[in-house]
Amino acid sequence: MEKIAQRAHPRVQSFIRGYFKIGTNYNCDAIAQLLERFDVGWGTRFRAFLNSRDDLVEALRSAYELRNSIAHGGTGNRGLRGVQELYASARVVVDAMEAATT
């Protein structure tokens, strides 16, 4: 929200606030579907990137598994280094999502 607060149209901001209240785990396919709601080309570009990076798709899935396990009373099965690697992969996914929209 900070990123779009000064640049996005108020309708876009309202949509994003409402859409993300749902609390869905945004795996790579869900992100692509969201991008397609704005522009089919954005989703197509994002999917093309992901098709070449199965490792990132798996890393994002693993990050959600870890988050959900901890949130529901489970134990984390990764050390600090493993969490840092998942974070770095998630950042690459976010950067790819942003790149797909330009």
PDB file of N, CA and C in Angstrom:
ATOM      1  N   MET A   1       0.819  -1.191   0.000  1.00  0.00           N
ATOM      2  CA  MET A   1       0.000   0.000   0.000  1.00  0.00           C
ATOM      3  C   MET A   1       0.864   1.255   0.000  1.00  0.00           C
ATOM      4  N   GLU A   2       1.993   1.192   0.693  1.00  0.00           N
ATOM      5  CA  GLU A   2       2.875   2.357   0.702  1.00  0.00           C
ATOM      6  C   GLU A   2       3.341   2.699  -0.713  1.00  0.00           C
ATOM      7  N   LYS A   3       3.634   1.673  -1.489  1.00  0.00           N
ATOM      8  CA  LYS A   3       4.158   1.885  -2.836  1.00  0.00           C
ATOM      9  C   LYS A   3       3.136   2.569  -3.732  1.00  0.00           C
ATOM     10  N   ILE A   4       1.867   2.208  -3.596  1.00  0.00           N
ATOM     11  CA  ILE A   4       0.858   2.762  -4.498  1.00  0.00           C
ATOM     12  C   ILE A   4       0.138   3.980  -3.925  1.00  0.00           C
ATOM     13  N   ALA A   5       0.359   4.292  -2.661  1.00  0.00           N
ATOM     14  CA  ALA A   5      -0.396   5.350  -1.998  1.00  0.00           C
ATOM     15  C   ALA A   5      -0.321   6.688  -2.738  1.00  0.00           C
ATOM     16  N   GLN A   6       0.823   7.015  -3.263  1.00  0.00           N
ATOM     17  CA  GLN A   6       0.995   8.307  -3.925  1.00  0.00           C
ATOM     18  C   GLN A   6       0.812   8.245  -5.435  1.00  0.00           C
ATOM     19  N   ARG A   7       0.800   7.023  -6.004  1.00  0.00           N
ATOM     20  CA  ARG A   7       0.786   6.911  -7.463  1.00  0.00           C
ATOM     21  C   ARG A   7      -0.492   6.329  -8.038  1.00  0.00           C
ATOM     22  N   ALA A   8      -1.178   5.493  -7.304  1.00  0.00           N
ATOM     23  CA  ALA A   8      -2.323   4.787  -7.868  1.00  0.00           C
ATOM     24  C   ALA A   8      -3.611   5.590  -7.721  1.00  0.00           C
ATOM     25  N   HIS A   9      -4.488   5.390  -8.660  1.00  0.00           N
ATOM     26  CA  HIS A   9      -5.815   5.991  -8.623  1.00  0.00           C
ATOM     27  C   HIS A   9      -6.540   5.506  -7.362  1.00  0.00           C
ATOM     28  N   PRO A  10      -7.356   6.346  -6.743  1.00  0.00           N
ATOM     29  CA  PRO A  10      -8.072   5.916  -5.534  1.00  0.00           C
ATOM     30  C   PRO A  10      -8.893   4.638  -5.721  1.00  0.00           C
ATOM     31  N   ARG A  11      -9.452   4.409  -6.905  1.00  0.00           N
ATOM     32  CA  ARG A  11     -10.200   3.171  -7.148  1.00  0.00           C
ATOM     33  C   ARG A  11      -9.288   1.949  -7.076  1.00  0.00           C
ATOM     34  N   VAL A  12      -8.088   2.091  -7.602  1.00  0.00           N
ATOM     35  CA  VAL A  12      -7.127   0.988  -7.557  1.00  0.00           C
ATOM     36  C   VAL A  12      -6.740   0.716  -6.110  1.00  0.00           C
ATOM     37  N   GLN A  13      -6.485   1.764  -5.361  1.00  0.00           N
ATOM     38  CA  GLN A  13      -6.143   1.593  -3.956  1.00  0.00           C
ATOM     39  C   GLN A  13      -7.272   0.897  -3.193  1.00  0.00           C
ATOM     40  N   SER A  14      -8.507   1.307  -3.463  1.00  0.00           N
ATOM     41  CA  SER A  14      -9.658   0.710  -2.796  1.00  0.00           C
ATOM     42  C   SER A  14      -9.788  -0.765  -3.157  1.00  0.00           C
ATOM     43  N   PHE A  15      -9.615  -1.091  -4.431  1.00  0.00           N
ATOM     44  CA  PHE A  15      -9.687  -2.489  -4.863  1.00  0.00           C
ATOM     45  C   PHE A  15      -8.638  -3.317  -4.138  1.00  0.00           C
ATOM     46  N   ILE A  16      -7.423  -2.828  -4.102  1.00  0.00           N
ATOM     47  CA  ILE A  16      -6.329  -3.590  -3.494  1.00  0.00           C
ATOM     48  C   ILE A  16      -6.554  -3.774  -1.999  1.00  0.00           C
ATOM     49  N   ARG A  17      -6.978  -2.726  -1.317  1.00  0.00           N
ATOM     50  CA  ARG A  17      -7.273  -2.864   0.117  1.00  0.00           C
ATOM     51  C   ARG A  17      -8.341  -3.936   0.356  1.00  0.00           C
ATOM     52  N   GLY A  18      -9.417  -3.897  -0.402  1.00  0.00           N
ATOM     53  CA  GLY A  18     -10.498  -4.859  -0.234  1.00  0.00           C
ATOM     54  C   GLY A  18     -10.109  -6.261  -0.641  1.00  0.00           C
ATOM     55  N   TYR A  19      -9.386  -6.381  -1.747  1.00  0.00           N
ATOM     56  CA  TYR A  19      -9.021  -7.681  -2.275  1.00  0.00           C
ATOM     57  C   TYR A  19      -8.093  -8.430  -1.324  1.00  0.00           C
ATOM     58  N   PHE A  20      -7.159  -7.733  -0.726  1.00  0.00           N
ATOM     59  CA  PHE A  20      -6.171  -8.389   0.116  1.00  0.00           C
ATOM     60  C   PHE A  20      -6.654  -8.607   1.545  1.00  0.00           C
ATOM     61  N   LYS A  21      -7.837  -8.107   1.907  1.00  0.00           N
ATOM     62  CA  LYS A  21      -8.400  -8.406   3.221  1.00  0.00           C
ATOM     63  C   LYS A  21      -8.779  -9.870   3.332  1.00  0.00           C
ATOM     64  N   ILE A  22      -8.984 -10.521   2.207  1.00  0.00           N
ATOM     65  CA  ILE A  22      -9.405 -11.911   2.185  1.00  0.00           C
ATOM     66  C   ILE A  22      -8.394 -12.806   2.904  1.00  0.00           C
ATOM     67  N   GLY A  23      -7.126 -12.476   2.811  1.00  0.00           N
ATOM     68  CA  GLY A  23      -6.093 -13.237   3.490  1.00  0.00           C
ATOM     69  C   GLY A  23      -5.678 -14.513   2.785  1.00  0.00           C
ATOM     70  N   THR A  24      -5.837 -14.545   1.489  1.00  0.00           N
ATOM     71  CA  THR A  24      -5.460 -15.705   0.691  1.00  0.00           C
ATOM     72  C   THR A  24      -3.947 -15.868   0.663  1.00  0.00           C
ATOM     73  N   ASN A  25      -3.498 -17.115   0.628  1.00  0.00           N
ATOM     74  CA  ASN A  25      -2.085 -17.371   0.376  1.00  0.00           C
ATOM     75  C   ASN A  25      -1.854 -17.185  -1.114  1.00  0.00           C
ATOM     76  N   TYR A  26      -1.079 -16.223  -1.479  1.00  0.00           N
ATOM     77  CA  TYR A  26      -0.869 -15.913  -2.886  1.00  0.00           C
ATOM     78  C   TYR A  26       0.294 -16.706  -3.444  1.00  0.00           C
ATOM     79  N   ASN A  27      -0.028 -17.928  -3.886  1.00  0.00           N
ATOM     80  CA  ASN A  27       0.989 -18.709  -4.572  1.00  0.00           C
ATOM     81  C   ASN A  27       1.193 -18.087  -5.952  1.00  0.00           C
ATOM     82  N   CYS A  28       2.107 -18.631  -6.710  1.00  0.00           N
ATOM     83  CA  CYS A  28       2.449 -18.021  -7.997  1.00  0.00           C
ATOM     84  C   CYS A  28       1.263 -17.979  -8.951  1.00  0.00           C
ATOM     85  N   ASP A  29       0.445 -19.015  -8.949  1.00  0.00           N
ATOM     86  CA  ASP A  29      -0.717 -19.025  -9.838  1.00  0.00           C
ATOM     87  C   ASP A  29      -1.728 -17.960  -9.410  1.00  0.00           C
ATOM     88  N   ALA A  30      -1.943 -17.815  -8.112  1.00  0.00           N
ATOM     89  CA  ALA A  30      -2.877 -16.797  -7.621  1.00  0.00           C
ATOM     90  C   ALA A  30      -2.374 -15.396  -7.949  1.00  0.00           C
ATOM     91  N   ILE A  31      -1.069 -15.190  -7.880  1.00  0.00           N
ATOM     92  CA  ILE A  31      -0.499 -13.886  -8.241  1.00  0.00           C
ATOM     93  C   ILE A  31      -0.738 -13.622  -9.718  1.00  0.00           C
ATOM     94  N   ALA A  32      -0.496 -14.623 -10.552  1.00  0.00           N
ATOM     95  CA  ALA A  32      -0.712 -14.457 -11.995  1.00  0.00           C
ATOM     96  C   ALA A  32      -2.179 -14.145 -12.282  1.00  0.00           C
ATOM     97  N   GLN A  33      -3.091 -14.827 -11.605  1.00  0.00           N
ATOM     98  CA  GLN A  33      -4.513 -14.563 -11.799  1.00  0.00           C
ATOM     99  C   GLN A  33      -4.874 -13.142 -11.385  1.00  0.00           C
ATOM    100  N   LEU A  34      -4.292 -12.685 -10.297  1.00  0.00           N
ATOM    101  CA  LEU A  34      -4.534 -11.305  -9.860  1.00  0.00           C
ATOM    102  C   LEU A  34      -4.020 -10.314 -10.899  1.00  0.00           C
ATOM    103  N   LEU A  35      -2.831 -10.557 -11.406  1.00  0.00           N
ATOM    104  CA  LEU A  35      -2.287  -9.671 -12.436  1.00  0.00           C
ATOM    105  C   LEU A  35      -3.187  -9.650 -13.665  1.00  0.00           C
ATOM    106  N   GLU A  36      -3.724 -10.806 -14.020  1.00  0.00           N
ATOM    107  CA  GLU A  36      -4.606 -10.889 -15.192  1.00  0.00           C
ATOM    108  C   GLU A  36      -5.895 -10.103 -15.001  1.00  0.00           C
ATOM    109  N   ARG A  37      -6.319  -9.906 -13.761  1.00  0.00           N
ATOM    110  CA  ARG A  37      -7.518  -9.100 -13.513  1.00  0.00           C
ATOM    111  C   ARG A  37      -7.288  -7.649 -13.921  1.00  0.00           C
ATOM    112  N   PHE A  38      -6.039  -7.222 -13.897  1.00  0.00           N
ATOM    113  CA  PHE A  38      -5.701  -5.870 -14.322  1.00  0.00           C
ATOM    114  C   PHE A  38      -5.371  -5.814 -15.807  1.00  0.00           C
ATOM    115  N   ASP A  39      -4.569  -6.794 -16.254  1.00  0.00           N
ATOM    116  CA  ASP A  39      -4.113  -6.790 -17.643  1.00  0.00           C
ATOM    117  C   ASP A  39      -3.643  -8.203 -17.979  1.00  0.00           C
ATOM    118  N   VAL A  40      -4.210  -8.792 -19.008  1.00  0.00           N
ATOM    119  CA  VAL A  40      -3.857 -10.165 -19.385  1.00  0.00           C
ATOM    120  C   VAL A  40      -2.370 -10.280 -19.686  1.00  0.00           C
ATOM    121  N   GLY A  41      -1.811  -9.268 -20.306  1.00  0.00           N
ATOM    122  CA  GLY A  41      -0.390  -9.285 -20.630  1.00  0.00           C
ATOM    123  C   GLY A  41       0.489  -9.369 -19.397  1.00  0.00           C
ATOM    124  N   TRP A  42       0.062  -8.721 -18.311  1.00  0.00           N
ATOM    125  CA  TRP A  42       0.839  -8.786 -17.078  1.00  0.00           C
ATOM    126  C   TRP A  42       0.922 -10.226 -16.588  1.00  0.00           C
ATOM    127  N   GLY A  43      -0.216 -10.909 -16.578  1.00  0.00           N
ATOM    128  CA  GLY A  43      -0.227 -12.301 -16.144  1.00  0.00           C
ATOM    129  C   GLY A  43       0.576 -13.194 -17.058  1.00  0.00           C
ATOM    130  N   THR A  44       0.478 -12.937 -18.352  1.00  0.00           N
ATOM    131  CA  THR A  44       1.227 -13.730 -19.334  1.00  0.00           C
ATOM    132  C   THR A  44       2.726 -13.570 -19.126  1.00  0.00           C
ATOM    133  N   ARG A  45       3.174 -12.347 -18.936  1.00  0.00           N
ATOM    134  CA  ARG A  45       4.615 -12.101 -18.716  1.00  0.00           C
ATOM    135  C   ARG A  45       5.096 -12.738 -17.412  1.00  0.00           C
ATOM    136  N   PHE A  46       4.273 -12.626 -16.370  1.00  0.00           N
ATOM    137  CA  PHE A  46       4.646 -13.213 -15.084  1.00  0.00           C
ATOM    138  C   PHE A  46       4.729 -14.739 -15.194  1.00  0.00           C
ATOM    139  N   ARG A  47       3.737 -15.346 -15.841  1.00  0.00           N
ATOM    140  CA  ARG A  47       3.748 -16.807 -16.019  1.00  0.00           C
ATOM    141  C   ARG A  47       4.952 -17.260 -16.854  1.00  0.00           C
ATOM    142  N   ALA A  48       5.298 -16.483 -17.876  1.00  0.00           N
ATOM    143  CA  ALA A  48       6.456 -16.838 -18.706  1.00  0.00           C
ATOM    144  C   ALA A  48       7.725 -16.851 -17.860  1.00  0.00           C
ATOM    145  N   PHE A  49       7.860 -15.865 -16.980  1.00  0.00           N
ATOM    146  CA  PHE A  49       9.018 -15.834 -16.091  1.00  0.00           C
ATOM    147  C   PHE A  49       9.019 -17.064 -15.186  1.00  0.00           C
ATOM    148  N   LEU A  50       7.868 -17.359 -14.585  1.00  0.00           N
ATOM    149  CA  LEU A  50       7.790 -18.486 -13.653  1.00  0.00           C
ATOM    150  C   LEU A  50       8.051 -19.821 -14.323  1.00  0.00           C
ATOM    151  N   ASN A  51       7.660 -19.954 -15.584  1.00  0.00           N
ATOM    152  CA  ASN A  51       7.892 -21.209 -16.302  1.00  0.00           C
ATOM    153  C   ASN A  51       9.365 -21.529 -16.418  1.00  0.00           C
ATOM    154  N   SER A  52      10.198 -20.516 -16.314  1.00  0.00           N
ATOM    155  CA  SER A  52      11.645 -20.741 -16.381  1.00  0.00           C
ATOM    156  C   SER A  52      12.271 -20.855 -14.994  1.00  0.00           C
ATOM    157  N   ARG A  53      11.452 -20.719 -13.938  1.00  0.00           N
ATOM    158  CA  ARG A  53      11.993 -20.709 -12.576  1.00  0.00           C
ATOM    159  C   ARG A  53      11.156 -21.550 -11.614  1.00  0.00           C
ATOM    160  N   ASP A  54      11.145 -22.848 -11.837  1.00  0.00           N
ATOM    161  CA  ASP A  54      10.418 -23.748 -10.939  1.00  0.00           C
ATOM    162  C   ASP A  54      10.919 -23.646  -9.505  1.00  0.00           C
ATOM    163  N   ASP A  55      12.189 -23.310  -9.345  1.00  0.00           N
ATOM    164  CA  ASP A  55      12.749 -23.177  -8.004  1.00  0.00           C
ATOM    165  C   ASP A  55      12.044 -22.083  -7.212  1.00  0.00           C
ATOM    166  N   LEU A  56      11.655 -20.996  -7.881  1.00  0.00           N
ATOM    167  CA  LEU A  56      10.981 -19.903  -7.180  1.00  0.00           C
ATOM    168  C   LEU A  56       9.550 -20.278  -6.810  1.00  0.00           C
ATOM    169  N   VAL A  57       8.891 -20.999  -7.694  1.00  0.00           N
ATOM    170  CA  VAL A  57       7.532 -21.464  -7.404  1.00  0.00           C
ATOM    171  C   VAL A  57       7.563 -22.363  -6.171  1.00  0.00           C
ATOM    172  N   GLU A  58       8.507 -23.259  -6.123  1.00  0.00           N
ATOM    173  CA  GLU A  58       8.653 -24.172  -4.984  1.00  0.00           C
ATOM    174  C   GLU A  58       9.035 -23.405  -3.718  1.00  0.00           C
ATOM    175  N   ALA A  59       9.904 -22.414  -3.830  1.00  0.00           N
ATOM    176  CA  ALA A  59      10.309 -21.632  -2.660  1.00  0.00           C
ATOM    177  C   ALA A  59       9.125 -20.872  -2.072  1.00  0.00           C
ATOM    178  N   LEU A  60       8.291 -20.287  -2.920  1.00  0.00           N
ATOM    179  CA  LEU A  60       7.132 -19.558  -2.411  1.00  0.00           C
ATOM    180  C   LEU A  60       6.147 -20.527  -1.738  1.00  0.00           C
ATOM    181  N   ARG A  61       5.962 -21.709  -2.329  1.00  0.00           N
ATOM    182  CA  ARG A  61       5.114 -22.724  -1.716  1.00  0.00           C
ATOM    183  C   ARG A  61       5.660 -23.120  -0.347  1.00  0.00           C
ATOM    184  N   SER A  62       6.964 -23.296  -0.270  1.00  0.00           N
ATOM    185  CA  SER A  62       7.596 -23.676   0.997  1.00  0.00           C
ATOM    186  C   SER A  62       7.461 -22.572   2.041  1.00  0.00           C
ATOM    187  N   ALA A  63       7.574 -21.334   1.624  1.00  0.00           N
ATOM    188  CA  ALA A  63       7.429 -20.217   2.554  1.00  0.00           C
ATOM    189  C   ALA A  63       6.020 -20.197   3.150  1.00  0.00           C
ATOM    190  N   TYR A  64       5.012 -20.426   2.316  1.00  0.00           N
ATOM    191  CA  TYR A  64       3.640 -20.471   2.827  1.00  0.00           C
ATOM    192  C   TYR A  64       3.429 -21.659   3.749  1.00  0.00           C
ATOM    193  N   GLU A  65       3.998 -22.803   3.408  1.00  0.00           N
ATOM    194  CA  GLU A  65       3.887 -23.973   4.283  1.00  0.00           C
ATOM    195  C   GLU A  65       4.487 -23.678   5.646  1.00  0.00           C
ATOM    196  N   LEU A  66       5.653 -23.061   5.659  1.00  0.00           N
ATOM    197  CA  LEU A  66       6.323 -22.718   6.906  1.00  0.00           C
ATOM    198  C   LEU A  66       5.494 -21.724   7.707  1.00  0.00           C
ATOM    199  N   ARG A  67       5.014 -20.688   7.044  1.00  0.00           N
ATOM    200  CA  ARG A  67       4.202 -19.674   7.704  1.00  0.00           C
ATOM    201  C   ARG A  67       2.943 -20.291   8.306  1.00  0.00           C
ATOM    202  N   ASN A  68       2.265 -21.122   7.529  1.00  0.00           N
ATOM    203  CA  ASN A  68       1.025 -21.735   8.013  1.00  0.00           C
ATOM    204  C   ASN A  68       1.282 -22.696   9.166  1.00  0.00           C
ATOM    205  N   SER A  69       2.363 -23.428   9.086  1.00  0.00           N
ATOM    206  CA  SER A  69       2.706 -24.348  10.160  1.00  0.00           C
ATOM    207  C   SER A  69       2.937 -23.587  11.464  1.00  0.00           C
ATOM    208  N   ILE A  70       3.708 -22.538  11.403  1.00  0.00           N
ATOM    209  CA  ILE A  70       4.004 -21.748  12.605  1.00  0.00           C
ATOM    210  C   ILE A  70       2.739 -21.067  13.114  1.00  0.00           C
ATOM    211  N   ALA A  71       1.933 -20.523  12.207  1.00  0.00           N
ATOM    212  CA  ALA A  71       0.713 -19.813  12.601  1.00  0.00           C
ATOM    213  C   ALA A  71      -0.288 -20.733  13.289  1.00  0.00           C
ATOM    214  N   HIS A  72      -0.238 -22.009  12.978  1.00  0.00           N
ATOM    215  CA  HIS A  72      -1.197 -22.947  13.551  1.00  0.00           C
ATOM    216  C   HIS A  72      -0.569 -23.831  14.623  1.00  0.00           C
ATOM    217  N   GLY A  73       0.510 -23.344  15.229  1.00  0.00           N
ATOM    218  CA  GLY A  73       1.096 -24.024  16.371  1.00  0.00           C
ATOM    219  C   GLY A  73       2.145 -25.066  16.057  1.00  0.00           C
ATOM    220  N   GLY A  74       2.492 -25.196  14.790  1.00  0.00           N
ATOM    221  CA  GLY A  74       3.533 -26.151  14.414  1.00  0.00           C
ATOM    222  C   GLY A  74       4.913 -25.578  14.696  1.00  0.00           C
ATOM    223  N   THR A  75       5.886 -26.344  14.384  1.00  0.00           N
ATOM    224  CA  THR A  75       7.257 -25.876  14.573  1.00  0.00           C
ATOM    225  C   THR A  75       7.858 -25.528  13.222  1.00  0.00           C
ATOM    226  N   GLY A  76       8.724 -24.590  13.233  1.00  0.00           N
ATOM    227  CA  GLY A  76       9.440 -24.235  12.005  1.00  0.00           C
ATOM    228  C   GLY A  76      10.449 -25.313  11.687  1.00  0.00           C
ATOM    229  N   ASN A  77      10.501 -25.720  10.443  1.00  0.00           N
ATOM    230  CA  ASN A  77      11.433 -26.779  10.070  1.00  0.00           C
ATOM    231  C   ASN A  77      12.631 -26.217   9.315  1.00  0.00           C
ATOM    232  N   ARG A  78      12.850 -24.925   9.455  1.00  0.00           N
ATOM    233  CA  ARG A  78      13.974 -24.285   8.774  1.00  0.00           C
ATOM    234  C   ARG A  78      14.738 -23.425   9.766  1.00  0.00           C
ATOM    235  N   GLY A  79      16.021 -23.400   9.577  1.00  0.00           N
ATOM    236  CA  GLY A  79      16.841 -22.505  10.373  1.00  0.00           C
ATOM    237  C   GLY A  79      16.850 -21.113   9.762  1.00  0.00           C
ATOM    238  N   LEU A  80      17.606 -20.236  10.365  1.00  0.00           N
ATOM    239  CA  LEU A  80      17.684 -18.853   9.901  1.00  0.00           C
ATOM    240  C   LEU A  80      18.133 -18.772   8.448  1.00  0.00           C
ATOM    241  N   ARG A  81      19.135 -19.564   8.093  1.00  0.00           N
ATOM    242  CA  ARG A  81      19.623 -19.545   6.712  1.00  0.00           C
ATOM    243  C   ARG A  81      18.532 -19.968   5.721  1.00  0.00           C
ATOM    244  N   GLY A  82      17.767 -20.996   6.066  1.00  0.00           N
ATOM    245  CA  GLY A  82      16.686 -21.449   5.212  1.00  0.00           C
ATOM    246  C   GLY A  82      15.605 -20.394   5.049  1.00  0.00           C
ATOM    247  N   VAL A  83      15.275 -19.697   6.127  1.00  0.00           N
ATOM    248  CA  VAL A  83      14.276 -18.631   6.060  1.00  0.00           C
ATOM    249  C   VAL A  83      14.807 -17.479   5.206  1.00  0.00           C
ATOM    250  N   GLN A  84      16.070 -17.155   5.362  1.00  0.00           N
ATOM    251  CA  GLN A  84      16.669 -16.101   4.536  1.00  0.00           C
ATOM    252  C   GLN A  84      16.621 -16.465   3.048  1.00  0.00           C
ATOM    253  N   GLU A  85      16.839 -17.719   2.733  1.00  0.00           N
ATOM    254  CA  GLU A  85      16.769 -18.162   1.339  1.00  0.00           C
ATOM    255  C   GLU A  85      15.352 -18.045   0.793  1.00  0.00           C
ATOM    256  N   LEU A  86      14.359 -18.424   1.609  1.00  0.00           N
ATOM    257  CA  LEU A  86      12.964 -18.285   1.179  1.00  0.00           C
ATOM    258  C   LEU A  86      12.612 -16.816   0.968  1.00  0.00           C
ATOM    259  N   TYR A  87      13.091 -15.972   1.860  1.00  0.00           N
ATOM    260  CA  TYR A  87      12.841 -14.539   1.729  1.00  0.00           C
ATOM    261  C   TYR A  87      13.461 -13.994   0.442  1.00  0.00           C
ATOM    262  N   ALA A  88      14.689 -14.386   0.167  1.00  0.00           N
ATOM    263  CA  ALA A  88      15.359 -13.928  -1.055  1.00  0.00           C
ATOM    264  C   ALA A  88      14.596 -14.393  -2.295  1.00  0.00           C
ATOM    265  N   SER A  89      14.105 -15.611  -2.271  1.00  0.00           N
ATOM    266  CA  SER A  89      13.316 -16.109  -3.403  1.00  0.00           C
ATOM    267  C   SER A  89      12.019 -15.332  -3.549  1.00  0.00           C
ATOM    268  N   ALA A  90      11.371 -15.045  -2.432  1.00  0.00           N
ATOM    269  CA  ALA A  90      10.123 -14.274  -2.475  1.00  0.00           C
ATOM    270  C   ALA A  90      10.368 -12.881  -3.049  1.00  0.00           C
ATOM    271  N   ARG A  91      11.497 -12.290  -2.716  1.00  0.00           N
ATOM    272  CA  ARG A  91      11.838 -10.968  -3.273  1.00  0.00           C
ATOM    273  C   ARG A  91      11.993 -11.037  -4.782  1.00  0.00           C
ATOM    274  N   VAL A  92      12.575 -12.115  -5.287  1.00  0.00           N
ATOM    275  CA  VAL A  92      12.725 -12.286  -6.742  1.00  0.00           C
ATOM    276  C   VAL A  92      11.343 -12.391  -7.391  1.00  0.00           C
ATOM    277  N   VAL A  93      10.421 -13.111  -6.749  1.00  0.00           N
ATOM    278  CA  VAL A  93       9.061 -13.241  -7.261  1.00  0.00           C
ATOM    279  C   VAL A  93       8.381 -11.872  -7.287  1.00  0.00           C
ATOM    280  N   VAL A  94       8.525 -11.095  -6.230  1.00  0.00           N
ATOM    281  CA  VAL A  94       7.941  -9.755  -6.175  1.00  0.00           C
ATOM    282  C   VAL A  94       8.537  -8.874  -7.272  1.00  0.00           C
ATOM    283  N   ASP A  95       9.845  -8.937  -7.443  1.00  0.00           N
ATOM    284  CA  ASP A  95      10.497  -8.147  -8.498  1.00  0.00           C
ATOM    285  C   ASP A  95       9.985  -8.561  -9.886  1.00  0.00           C
ATOM    286  N   ALA A  96       9.777  -9.865 -10.080  1.00  0.00           N
ATOM    287  CA  ALA A  96       9.260 -10.355 -11.369  1.00  0.00           C
ATOM    288  C   ALA A  96       7.824  -9.885 -11.585  1.00  0.00           C
ATOM    289  N   MET A  97       7.050  -9.869 -10.508  1.00  0.00           N
ATOM    290  CA  MET A  97       5.684  -9.378 -10.606  1.00  0.00           C
ATOM    291  C   MET A  97       5.680  -7.908 -11.015  1.00  0.00           C
ATOM    292  N   GLU A  98       6.529  -7.137 -10.393  1.00  0.00           N
ATOM    293  CA  GLU A  98       6.630  -5.716 -10.741  1.00  0.00           C
ATOM    294  C   GLU A  98       7.106  -5.523 -12.189  1.00  0.00           C
ATOM    295  N   ALA A  99       8.090  -6.317 -12.580  1.00  0.00           N
ATOM    296  CA  ALA A  99       8.619  -6.214 -13.952  1.00  0.00           C
ATOM    297  C   ALA A  99       7.550  -6.575 -14.982  1.00  0.00           C
ATOM    298  N   ALA A 100       6.682  -7.507 -14.633  1.00  0.00           N
ATOM    299  CA  ALA A 100       5.628  -7.929 -15.568  1.00  0.00           C
ATOM    300  C   ALA A 100       4.614  -6.817 -15.824  1.00  0.00           C
ATOM    301  N   THR A 101       4.566  -5.852 -14.930  1.00  0.00           N
ATOM    302  CA  THR A 101       3.562  -4.788 -15.062  1.00  0.00           C
ATOM    303  C   THR A 101       4.090  -3.541 -15.763  1.00  0.00           C
ATOM    304  N   THR A 102       5.291  -3.614 -16.250  1.00  0.00           N
ATOM    305  CA  THR A 102       5.851  -2.425 -16.913  1.00  0.00           C
ATOM    306  C   THR A 102       5.819  -2.573 -18.423  1.00  0.00           C
TER     307      THR A 102
END
